[in-house]
Amino acid sequence: MSLFRHIPVLARAAAAQPAPASLRTLATSSVWRNASSSSSSSSAPAPVSSTQPEQERDLAAEQVARHDQAITADLASSAPAELNQRSVRIFRPAKTANSSGKAGTKVWRVDWDILQGSARWENPLMGWASSGDYMQGTSLKFRTKEDAVHFCEKQGWDYHIQEPKVARIPPKSYAANYDYNPKKLRIHHTK
């Protein structure tokens, strides 16, 4: 049976029992709101009426207000307590040495420092390197450094920022191959 068939039955059952004042329900759909607000004698949910003026929320302003204040989220998360005692590093990864592409260098990453006392060993079955640090392979990606800092502050983590080194590319031109140099004559072998 569909969930929508059960909604009027649930609404009637909820209306028959008085709810305590401290109990709050969250209605996420208009069908549920109409079914719960209709009387117990009505079996079908009332149609959604568009004549009622709804208050317009400024979602962008609410998001900016939430973003500006960092509220610690450690009470709501189910992360282990040891995680709050470790520091994290915020950095932008460098490009790989064996490629000239810059894929993956535009994001900022957050990763955890090495856990002291987490022994590393070689797995006897496959020969893989193993570790007691459960966060060693975990990293988070962010678009900007400010987003990464805000997330770390909200989680209550100590962090340090490693600024990226800017690569200096010297200007090059093809004509520089044939410039006059009084020190040494460059010979280009063609065969």
C-alpha atoms as a PDB file:
ATOM      1  CA  MET A   1       0.000   0.000   0.000  1.00  0.00           C
ATOM      2  CA  SER A   2       1.070   3.528  -0.644  1.00  0.00           C
ATOM      3  CA  LEU A   3       2.093   5.902   2.096  1.00  0.00           C
ATOM      4  CA  PHE A   4      -0.522   8.387   0.913  1.00  0.00           C
ATOM      5  CA  ARG A   5      -3.316   5.909   1.691  1.00  0.00           C
ATOM      6  CA  HIS A   6      -2.146   5.725   5.308  1.00  0.00           C
ATOM      7  CA  ILE A   7      -1.916   9.477   5.868  1.00  0.00           C
ATOM      8  CA  PRO A   8      -5.634  10.091   6.618  1.00  0.00           C
ATOM      9  CA  VAL A   9      -5.637   7.104   8.971  1.00  0.00           C
ATOM     10  CA  LEU A  10      -2.561   8.428  10.761  1.00  0.00           C
ATOM     11  CA  ALA A  11      -4.069  11.908  10.955  1.00  0.00           C
ATOM     12  CA  ARG A  12      -7.289  10.566  12.504  1.00  0.00           C
ATOM     13  CA  ALA A  13      -5.318   8.522  15.030  1.00  0.00           C
ATOM     14  CA  ALA A  14      -3.206  11.554  15.918  1.00  0.00           C
ATOM     15  CA  ALA A  15      -6.295  13.751  16.295  1.00  0.00           C
ATOM     16  CA  ALA A  16      -7.993  11.226  18.578  1.00  0.00           C
ATOM     17  CA  GLN A  17      -5.110  11.267  21.057  1.00  0.00           C
ATOM     18  CA  PRO A  18      -4.166  14.577  22.664  1.00  0.00           C
ATOM     19  CA  ALA A  19      -0.499  15.389  22.049  1.00  0.00           C
ATOM     20  CA  PRO A  20       1.605  16.754  24.894  1.00  0.00           C
ATOM     21  CA  ALA A  21       2.735  20.377  24.594  1.00  0.00           C
ATOM     22  CA  SER A  22       6.403  19.431  24.484  1.00  0.00           C
ATOM     23  CA  LEU A  23       5.955  17.114  21.462  1.00  0.00           C
ATOM     24  CA  ARG A  24       6.548  18.758  18.118  1.00  0.00           C
ATOM     25  CA  THR A  25       5.993  17.140  14.755  1.00  0.00           C
ATOM     26  CA  LEU A  26       7.670  18.100  11.532  1.00  0.00           C
ATOM     27  CA  ALA A  27       5.332  18.080   8.551  1.00  0.00           C
ATOM     28  CA  THR A  28       7.320  18.101   5.333  1.00  0.00           C
ATOM     29  CA  SER A  29       4.623  17.836   2.708  1.00  0.00           C
ATOM     30  CA  SER A  30       1.433  19.722   2.038  1.00  0.00           C
ATOM     31  CA  VAL A  31      -0.517  16.446   1.951  1.00  0.00           C
ATOM     32  CA  TRP A  32       0.559  15.597   5.498  1.00  0.00           C
ATOM     33  CA  ARG A  33      -0.100  19.143   6.718  1.00  0.00           C
ATOM     34  CA  ASN A  34      -3.586  19.111   5.233  1.00  0.00           C
ATOM     35  CA  ALA A  35      -4.303  15.601   6.505  1.00  0.00           C
ATOM     36  CA  SER A  36      -3.172  16.416  10.025  1.00  0.00           C
ATOM     37  CA  SER A  37      -5.056  19.728  10.146  1.00  0.00           C
ATOM     38  CA  SER A  38      -8.318  18.329   8.772  1.00  0.00           C
ATOM     39  CA  SER A  39     -10.949  17.137  11.182  1.00  0.00           C
ATOM     40  CA  SER A  40     -11.228  13.511  12.210  1.00  0.00           C
ATOM     41  CA  SER A  41     -14.536  13.114  10.365  1.00  0.00           C
ATOM     42  CA  SER A  42     -12.997  13.918   6.999  1.00  0.00           C
ATOM     43  CA  SER A  43     -11.405  10.945   5.307  1.00  0.00           C
ATOM     44  CA  ALA A  44      -9.722  12.664   2.345  1.00  0.00           C
ATOM     45  CA  PRO A  45      -7.028  15.288   2.651  1.00  0.00           C
ATOM     46  CA  ALA A  46      -8.036  18.820   1.785  1.00  0.00           C
ATOM     47  CA  PRO A  47      -6.656  20.222  -1.444  1.00  0.00           C
ATOM     48  CA  VAL A  48      -3.703  22.574  -1.276  1.00  0.00           C
ATOM     49  CA  SER A  49      -4.961  26.124  -1.361  1.00  0.00           C
ATOM     50  CA  SER A  50      -2.833  28.741  -3.070  1.00  0.00           C
ATOM     51  CA  THR A  51      -4.930  31.666  -1.808  1.00  0.00           C
ATOM     52  CA  GLN A  52      -3.177  31.732   1.590  1.00  0.00           C
ATOM     53  CA  PRO A  53      -0.287  34.188   1.575  1.00  0.00           C
ATOM     54  CA  GLU A  54       2.901  32.467   2.686  1.00  0.00           C
ATOM     55  CA  GLN A  55       5.692  34.454   4.230  1.00  0.00           C
ATOM     56  CA  GLU A  56       8.679  34.743   1.934  1.00  0.00           C
ATOM     57  CA  ARG A  57      11.937  33.671   3.561  1.00  0.00           C
ATOM     58  CA  ASP A  58      15.213  35.261   2.587  1.00  0.00           C
ATOM     59  CA  LEU A  59      17.183  32.036   2.305  1.00  0.00           C
ATOM     60  CA  ALA A  60      20.353  33.751   1.093  1.00  0.00           C
ATOM     61  CA  ALA A  61      20.443  36.032   4.146  1.00  0.00           C
ATOM     62  CA  GLU A  62      19.792  33.077   6.468  1.00  0.00           C
ATOM     63  CA  GLN A  63      22.604  31.122   4.868  1.00  0.00           C
ATOM     64  CA  VAL A  64      25.030  34.039   5.201  1.00  0.00           C
ATOM     65  CA  ALA A  65      24.055  34.479   8.844  1.00  0.00           C
ATOM     66  CA  ARG A  66      24.637  30.752   9.503  1.00  0.00           C
ATOM     67  CA  HIS A  67      27.932  30.846   7.645  1.00  0.00           C
ATOM     68  CA  ASP A  68      29.281  33.837   9.575  1.00  0.00           C
ATOM     69  CA  GLN A  69      28.910  32.264  12.996  1.00  0.00           C
ATOM     70  CA  ALA A  70      30.751  29.027  13.652  1.00  0.00           C
ATOM     71  CA  ILE A  71      28.713  26.851  15.984  1.00  0.00           C
ATOM     72  CA  THR A  72      30.504  23.748  17.185  1.00  0.00           C
ATOM     73  CA  ALA A  73      29.027  20.604  15.705  1.00  0.00           C
ATOM     74  CA  ASP A  74      30.791  18.077  17.933  1.00  0.00           C
ATOM     75  CA  LEU A  75      27.690  17.610  20.090  1.00  0.00           C
ATOM     76  CA  ALA A  76      25.618  16.409  17.140  1.00  0.00           C
ATOM     77  CA  SER A  77      28.272  14.364  15.357  1.00  0.00           C
ATOM     78  CA  SER A  78      29.035  10.796  16.282  1.00  0.00           C
ATOM     79  CA  ALA A  79      32.772  11.183  15.735  1.00  0.00           C
ATOM     80  CA  PRO A  80      35.128   9.670  18.314  1.00  0.00           C
ATOM     81  CA  ALA A  81      36.316  11.998  21.079  1.00  0.00           C
ATOM     82  CA  GLU A  82      39.974  11.405  20.106  1.00  0.00           C
ATOM     83  CA  LEU A  83      39.349  13.207  16.837  1.00  0.00           C
ATOM     84  CA  ASN A  84      38.972  16.564  18.606  1.00  0.00           C
ATOM     85  CA  GLN A  85      42.461  16.244  20.102  1.00  0.00           C
ATOM     86  CA  ARG A  86      44.167  15.886  16.721  1.00  0.00           C
ATOM     87  CA  SER A  87      45.153  18.810  14.544  1.00  0.00           C
ATOM     88  CA  VAL A  88      44.354  19.034  10.862  1.00  0.00           C
ATOM     89  CA  ARG A  89      46.263  20.545   7.973  1.00  0.00           C
ATOM     90  CA  ILE A  90      44.557  22.732   5.377  1.00  0.00           C
ATOM     91  CA  PHE A  91      46.475  22.797   2.108  1.00  0.00           C
ATOM     92  CA  ARG A  92      46.173  22.959  -1.641  1.00  0.00           C
ATOM     93  CA  PRO A  93      47.806  19.945  -3.312  1.00  0.00           C
ATOM     94  CA  ALA A  94      50.607  20.453  -5.805  1.00  0.00           C
ATOM     95  CA  LYS A  95      50.487  18.973  -9.264  1.00  0.00           C
ATOM     96  CA  THR A  96      51.971  15.547  -9.719  1.00  0.00           C
ATOM     97  CA  ALA A  97      55.611  15.387 -10.756  1.00  0.00           C
ATOM     98  CA  ASN A  98      55.081  12.964 -13.619  1.00  0.00           C
ATOM     99  CA  SER A  99      52.421  15.037 -15.375  1.00  0.00           C
ATOM    100  CA  SER A 100      52.155  18.580 -16.597  1.00  0.00           C
ATOM    101  CA  GLY A 101      48.398  18.653 -15.939  1.00  0.00           C
ATOM    102  CA  LYS A 102      47.013  20.603 -13.010  1.00  0.00           C
ATOM    103  CA  ALA A 103      44.030  18.386 -12.207  1.00  0.00           C
ATOM    104  CA  GLY A 104      43.151  18.332  -8.502  1.00  0.00           C
ATOM    105  CA  THR A 105      45.134  21.475  -7.659  1.00  0.00           C
ATOM    106  CA  LYS A 106      42.210  23.908  -7.585  1.00  0.00           C
ATOM    107  CA  VAL A 107      40.636  22.511  -4.395  1.00  0.00           C
ATOM    108  CA  TRP A 108      41.689  22.894  -0.772  1.00  0.00           C
ATOM    109  CA  ARG A 109      42.078  19.733   1.276  1.00  0.00           C
ATOM    110  CA  VAL A 110      41.831  18.983   4.966  1.00  0.00           C
ATOM    111  CA  ASP A 111      43.696  15.963   6.277  1.00  0.00           C
ATOM    112  CA  TRP A 112      44.689  14.802   9.726  1.00  0.00           C
ATOM    113  CA  ASP A 113      48.231  14.777  11.061  1.00  0.00           C
ATOM    114  CA  ILE A 114      49.887  11.446  11.716  1.00  0.00           C
ATOM    115  CA  LEU A 115      48.711   9.892  14.946  1.00  0.00           C
ATOM    116  CA  GLN A 116      51.621   9.432  17.330  1.00  0.00           C
ATOM    117  CA  GLY A 117      51.964   5.872  18.497  1.00  0.00           C
ATOM    118  CA  SER A 118      50.031   4.390  15.595  1.00  0.00           C
ATOM    119  CA  ALA A 119      52.295   1.556  14.630  1.00  0.00           C
ATOM    120  CA  ARG A 120      52.731   0.642  10.990  1.00  0.00           C
ATOM    121  CA  TRP A 121      53.243  -2.931   9.967  1.00  0.00           C
ATOM    122  CA  GLU A 122      53.288  -5.090   6.904  1.00  0.00           C
ATOM    123  CA  ASN A 123      50.213  -7.227   6.465  1.00  0.00           C
ATOM    124  CA  PRO A 124      51.443 -10.845   6.422  1.00  0.00           C
ATOM    125  CA  LEU A 125      48.753 -12.087   4.041  1.00  0.00           C
ATOM    126  CA  MET A 126      49.094  -9.619   1.159  1.00  0.00           C
ATOM    127  CA  GLY A 127      52.188  -7.625   2.073  1.00  0.00           C
ATOM    128  CA  TRP A 128      50.283  -4.342   2.212  1.00  0.00           C
ATOM    129  CA  ALA A 129      51.306  -1.592   4.594  1.00  0.00           C
ATOM    130  CA  SER A 130      48.864  -1.361   7.505  1.00  0.00           C
ATOM    131  CA  SER A 131      48.424   1.206  10.238  1.00  0.00           C
ATOM    132  CA  GLY A 132      46.547   1.729  13.486  1.00  0.00           C
ATOM    133  CA  ASP A 133      45.561   5.257  12.396  1.00  0.00           C
ATOM    134  CA  TYR A 134      41.987   5.102  11.128  1.00  0.00           C
ATOM    135  CA  MET A 135      42.106   8.627   9.631  1.00  0.00           C
ATOM    136  CA  GLN A 136      45.277   8.305   7.556  1.00  0.00           C
ATOM    137  CA  GLY A 137      43.495   7.814   4.236  1.00  0.00           C
ATOM    138  CA  THR A 138      40.734  10.333   4.869  1.00  0.00           C
ATOM    139  CA  SER A 139      40.723  13.828   3.440  1.00  0.00           C
ATOM    140  CA  LEU A 140      38.016  16.400   2.793  1.00  0.00           C
ATOM    141  CA  LYS A 141      37.838  18.679  -0.249  1.00  0.00           C
ATOM    142  CA  PHE A 142      36.667  22.298  -0.226  1.00  0.00           C
ATOM    143  CA  ARG A 143      36.378  24.919  -2.946  1.00  0.00           C
ATOM    144  CA  THR A 144      37.981  27.725  -0.960  1.00  0.00           C
ATOM    145  CA  LYS A 145      40.317  28.075   1.982  1.00  0.00           C
ATOM    146  CA  GLU A 146      37.666  30.023   3.903  1.00  0.00           C
ATOM    147  CA  ASP A 147      35.214  27.120   3.587  1.00  0.00           C
ATOM    148  CA  ALA A 148      37.815  24.704   4.954  1.00  0.00           C
ATOM    149  CA  VAL A 149      38.652  27.012   7.872  1.00  0.00           C
ATOM    150  CA  HIS A 150      34.962  27.528   8.663  1.00  0.00           C
ATOM    151  CA  PHE A 151      34.343  23.763   8.668  1.00  0.00           C
ATOM    152  CA  CYS A 152      37.309  23.120  10.992  1.00  0.00           C
ATOM    153  CA  GLU A 153      36.160  25.856  13.373  1.00  0.00           C
ATOM    154  CA  LYS A 154      32.640  24.460  13.363  1.00  0.00           C
ATOM    155  CA  GLN A 155      33.932  20.981  14.199  1.00  0.00           C
ATOM    156  CA  GLY A 156      36.182  22.389  16.946  1.00  0.00           C
ATOM    157  CA  TRP A 157      39.417  21.090  15.385  1.00  0.00           C
ATOM    158  CA  ASP A 158      42.839  22.711  15.735  1.00  0.00           C
ATOM    159  CA  TYR A 159      44.159  23.498  12.280  1.00  0.00           C
ATOM    160  CA  HIS A 160      47.132  25.001  10.533  1.00  0.00           C
ATOM    161  CA  ILE A 161      47.150  26.358   7.005  1.00  0.00           C
ATOM    162  CA  GLN A 162      49.893  25.456   4.563  1.00  0.00           C
ATOM    163  CA  GLU A 163      49.906  28.100   1.851  1.00  0.00           C
ATOM    164  CA  PRO A 164      50.704  26.818  -1.657  1.00  0.00           C
ATOM    165  CA  LYS A 165      53.988  27.734  -3.240  1.00  0.00           C
ATOM    166  CA  VAL A 166      53.526  29.739  -6.410  1.00  0.00           C
ATOM    167  CA  ALA A 167      55.405  28.237  -9.335  1.00  0.00           C
ATOM    168  CA  ARG A 168      57.529  30.804 -11.139  1.00  0.00           C
ATOM    169  CA  ILE A 169      57.601  30.121 -14.854  1.00  0.00           C
ATOM    170  CA  PRO A 170      60.361  32.056 -16.607  1.00  0.00           C
ATOM    171  CA  PRO A 171      59.418  33.686 -19.888  1.00  0.00           C
ATOM    172  CA  LYS A 172      60.484  31.630 -22.876  1.00  0.00           C
ATOM    173  CA  SER A 173      60.579  32.306 -26.567  1.00  0.00           C
ATOM    174  CA  TYR A 174      61.662  30.284 -29.549  1.00  0.00           C
ATOM    175  CA  ALA A 175      63.869  33.144 -30.768  1.00  0.00           C
ATOM    176  CA  ALA A 176      66.014  32.842 -27.626  1.00  0.00           C
ATOM    177  CA  ASN A 177      67.512  29.663 -29.119  1.00  0.00           C
ATOM    178  CA  TYR A 178      69.277  31.800 -31.740  1.00  0.00           C
ATOM    179  CA  ASP A 179      70.379  34.725 -29.581  1.00  0.00           C
ATOM    180  CA  TYR A 180      74.029  35.745 -29.707  1.00  0.00           C
ATOM    181  CA  ASN A 181      76.063  34.404 -26.809  1.00  0.00           C
ATOM    182  CA  PRO A 182      79.750  35.402 -26.713  1.00  0.00           C
ATOM    183  CA  LYS A 183      80.750  32.537 -24.408  1.00  0.00           C
ATOM    184  CA  LYS A 184      79.953  29.378 -26.286  1.00  0.00           C
ATOM    185  CA  LEU A 185      78.817  28.543 -29.768  1.00  0.00           C
ATOM    186  CA  ARG A 186      75.765  26.332 -29.759  1.00  0.00           C
ATOM    187  CA  ILE A 187      75.746  23.764 -32.497  1.00  0.00           C
ATOM    188  CA  HIS A 188      72.453  22.190 -33.521  1.00  0.00           C
ATOM    189  CA  HIS A 189      73.069  18.792 -35.064  1.00  0.00           C
ATOM    190  CA  THR A 190      70.609  17.982 -37.784  1.00  0.00           C
ATOM    191  CA  LYS A 191      71.878  14.473 -38.602  1.00  0.00           C
END
